[in-house]
Amino acid sequence: EVAKGVTLLRALPVFSERLGFNDVLPDGDTVRRGLLFLDDGRDDVGWSFALRLALSWLAGAGVHPSPAPENADWLRLGPTTIQPFSSDDGGYVGQDDAGYQFMVDFPNAARGFDEFRLGPLLRGEIDPARIRDRVIIVGVTADSLPDFFHVPVASALSLGKTWSGIEAQ
């Protein structure tokens, strides 16, 4: 399936710099690892939706991806190096470390995200100031879809709450 997605990116060169996969790597039912790149083993690399989104936002601040000074195979964004997950990291000994995985940090996860229903947004019922200068992601959060995950955050707001796949991105 990974190869199919990457092949699709190659087949659509007009869109390839705008497409990103949305795979999530749950450990059981909890997301602790993120995935930035997938490699189909044939020199084609797929970029994640989350990375494409972050790079688009960061470009406005003059931050662009570069090799990390400590290891040219690692991704650096501004002053931050995203060290890839390894199959011998902590309690993950022997786990699959394919692609460019990383351990996710959830520093502001307890706050959550502003959510708006599409109808009121399209009808102009949402104050434009609430969405100005923000990244807007349109996604599905219906209970009927099995796209919900736990994240390792404990707070009064998130205890027992699951995140939709769009939030996990």
Protein backbone atom coordinates (compact mmCIF):
# COMPACT_ATOMS: atom_id res chain seq x y z
CA GLU A 1 0.00 0.00 0.00
CA VAL A 2 2.90 2.34 0.70
CA ALA A 3 4.24 1.76 -2.81
CA LYS A 4 0.82 2.47 -4.35
CA GLY A 5 0.61 5.85 -2.60
CA VAL A 6 4.11 6.83 -3.64
CA THR A 7 3.45 5.63 -7.19
CA LEU A 8 0.36 7.84 -7.24
CA LEU A 9 2.52 10.81 -6.27
CA ARG A 10 4.88 10.05 -9.14
CA ALA A 11 1.97 9.67 -11.59
CA LEU A 12 0.59 13.09 -10.66
CA PRO A 13 3.61 15.40 -11.02
CA VAL A 14 1.44 18.51 -11.15
CA PHE A 15 0.14 17.78 -7.65
CA SER A 16 3.06 15.86 -6.14
CA GLU A 17 4.40 18.86 -4.22
CA ARG A 18 0.98 19.44 -2.69
CA LEU A 19 -0.08 15.88 -1.85
CA GLY A 20 0.75 14.18 1.41
CA PHE A 21 -0.16 10.84 2.91
CA ASN A 22 -2.12 10.81 6.17
CA ASP A 23 -0.94 7.56 7.74
CA VAL A 24 -0.98 7.45 11.55
CA LEU A 25 1.19 5.03 13.54
CA PRO A 26 -0.81 3.98 16.60
CA ASP A 27 0.87 1.93 19.30
CA GLY A 28 -2.18 -0.07 20.27
CA ASP A 29 -4.81 2.67 20.36
CA THR A 30 -2.44 5.55 21.27
CA VAL A 31 -0.48 7.73 18.86
CA ARG A 32 3.08 8.37 20.07
CA ARG A 33 5.00 8.30 16.79
CA GLY A 34 4.65 10.45 13.71
CA LEU A 35 5.71 9.66 10.15
CA LEU A 36 7.27 12.31 7.91
CA PHE A 37 8.38 10.31 4.85
CA LEU A 38 7.62 6.97 3.20
CA ASP A 39 10.03 5.30 0.80
CA ASP A 40 8.81 2.77 -1.76
CA GLY A 41 12.33 1.32 -2.18
CA ARG A 42 12.57 2.64 -5.76
CA ASP A 43 13.91 6.13 -5.08
CA ASP A 44 10.42 7.62 -4.69
CA VAL A 45 9.66 9.27 -1.39
CA GLY A 46 6.21 10.31 -0.20
CA TRP A 47 5.83 13.26 2.17
CA SER A 48 3.26 13.28 4.95
CA PHE A 49 0.32 15.65 4.96
CA ALA A 50 1.44 16.96 8.37
CA LEU A 51 4.92 17.74 7.05
CA ARG A 52 3.59 19.45 3.92
CA LEU A 53 1.29 21.52 6.11
CA ALA A 54 4.07 22.46 8.54
CA LEU A 55 6.49 23.37 5.74
CA SER A 56 3.88 25.55 4.07
CA TRP A 57 3.27 27.45 7.32
CA LEU A 58 6.95 27.68 8.26
CA ALA A 59 7.95 28.98 4.80
CA GLY A 60 6.10 32.19 5.65
CA ALA A 61 8.51 32.64 8.56
CA GLY A 62 11.53 31.87 6.36
CA VAL A 63 12.03 28.38 7.80
CA HIS A 64 12.88 25.71 5.23
CA PRO A 65 13.99 22.09 5.60
CA SER A 66 17.71 21.41 5.67
CA PRO A 67 20.04 18.61 6.74
CA ALA A 68 20.88 18.58 10.44
CA PRO A 69 24.48 19.52 11.24
CA GLU A 70 24.90 16.47 13.49
CA ASN A 71 23.69 14.04 10.80
CA ALA A 72 22.97 15.00 7.19
CA ASP A 73 20.27 12.30 6.97
CA TRP A 74 18.19 14.01 9.68
CA LEU A 75 15.66 16.77 9.04
CA ARG A 76 16.23 20.23 10.49
CA LEU A 77 13.60 22.97 10.59
CA GLY A 78 15.02 26.24 11.85
CA PRO A 79 16.78 25.49 15.16
CA THR A 80 15.00 22.13 15.60
CA THR A 81 16.36 18.78 14.48
CA ILE A 82 13.78 16.03 14.16
CA GLN A 83 15.73 12.94 15.10
CA PRO A 84 14.32 9.81 13.46
CA PHE A 85 12.91 7.00 15.58
CA SER A 86 15.11 3.92 15.80
CA SER A 87 14.04 0.36 16.54
CA ASP A 88 16.19 0.41 19.68
CA ASP A 89 14.62 3.53 21.26
CA GLY A 90 13.48 3.02 24.86
CA GLY A 91 10.54 0.67 25.19
CA TYR A 92 10.31 0.28 21.43
CA VAL A 93 13.13 -2.24 21.03
CA GLY A 94 12.54 -4.32 17.94
CA GLN A 95 9.70 -2.14 16.58
CA ASP A 96 9.37 -1.25 12.90
CA ASP A 97 11.30 1.96 12.19
CA ALA A 98 10.66 2.15 8.43
CA GLY A 99 10.20 5.53 6.84
CA TYR A 100 11.17 8.65 8.76
CA GLN A 101 9.35 8.18 12.06
CA PHE A 102 9.77 10.39 15.12
CA MET A 103 8.50 10.45 18.68
CA VAL A 104 5.68 13.02 18.85
CA ASP A 105 5.78 15.74 21.47
CA PHE A 106 2.36 17.06 22.53
CA PRO A 107 3.26 20.29 24.39
CA ASN A 108 -0.02 22.10 23.68
CA ALA A 109 -2.28 19.11 23.22
CA ALA A 110 -4.35 19.80 26.32
CA ARG A 111 -5.64 23.02 24.71
CA GLY A 112 -7.14 21.22 21.74
CA PHE A 113 -8.05 22.79 18.44
CA ASP A 114 -10.78 25.20 17.44
CA GLU A 115 -13.40 23.30 15.49
CA PHE A 116 -16.09 24.74 13.28
CA ARG A 117 -18.85 23.01 11.41
CA LEU A 118 -18.67 23.58 7.67
CA GLY A 119 -22.24 24.89 7.25
CA PRO A 120 -21.90 27.87 9.61
CA LEU A 121 -18.47 28.63 8.19
CA LEU A 122 -19.78 28.74 4.62
CA ARG A 123 -22.79 30.84 5.67
CA GLY A 124 -20.47 33.44 7.21
CA GLU A 125 -21.66 32.75 10.75
CA ILE A 126 -18.10 32.35 12.10
CA ASP A 127 -16.24 35.52 13.10
CA PRO A 128 -13.47 35.93 10.47
CA ALA A 129 -11.03 36.97 13.21
CA ARG A 130 -11.22 33.40 14.60
CA ILE A 131 -9.72 31.98 11.41
CA ARG A 132 -7.56 34.85 10.13
CA ASP A 133 -3.85 33.99 9.85
CA ARG A 134 -4.48 30.36 10.78
CA VAL A 135 -4.12 27.06 9.03
CA ILE A 136 -7.55 25.68 8.18
CA ILE A 137 -7.91 21.95 7.69
CA VAL A 138 -11.16 20.52 6.40
CA GLY A 139 -11.75 17.01 7.65
CA VAL A 140 -14.34 14.56 8.83
CA THR A 141 -14.95 13.97 12.52
CA ALA A 142 -18.15 11.92 12.34
CA ASP A 143 -18.55 9.24 15.00
CA SER A 144 -19.54 6.81 12.25
CA LEU A 145 -15.98 6.85 10.87
CA PRO A 146 -13.34 4.80 12.68
CA ASP A 147 -10.71 7.55 12.59
CA PHE A 148 -10.12 8.32 16.26
CA PHE A 149 -6.98 7.93 18.38
CA HIS A 150 -5.80 8.40 21.94
CA VAL A 151 -2.80 10.67 22.55
CA PRO A 152 -0.56 10.52 25.63
CA VAL A 153 -1.90 13.67 27.26
CA ALA A 154 -3.49 13.81 30.68
CA SER A 155 -5.55 16.84 31.55
CA ALA A 156 -9.06 17.63 32.63
CA LEU A 157 -9.84 18.53 29.01
CA SER A 158 -8.41 15.45 27.32
CA LEU A 159 -8.75 12.62 29.85
CA GLY A 160 -10.47 9.79 28.05
CA LYS A 161 -10.97 11.91 24.92
CA THR A 162 -9.90 10.61 21.57
CA TRP A 163 -8.57 12.74 18.73
CA SER A 164 -9.85 12.53 15.20
CA GLY A 165 -7.36 11.60 12.51
CA ILE A 166 -7.30 15.21 11.35
CA GLU A 167 -6.24 16.34 14.84
CA ALA A 168 -3.59 13.61 15.00
CA GLN A 169 -2.02 15.07 11.86
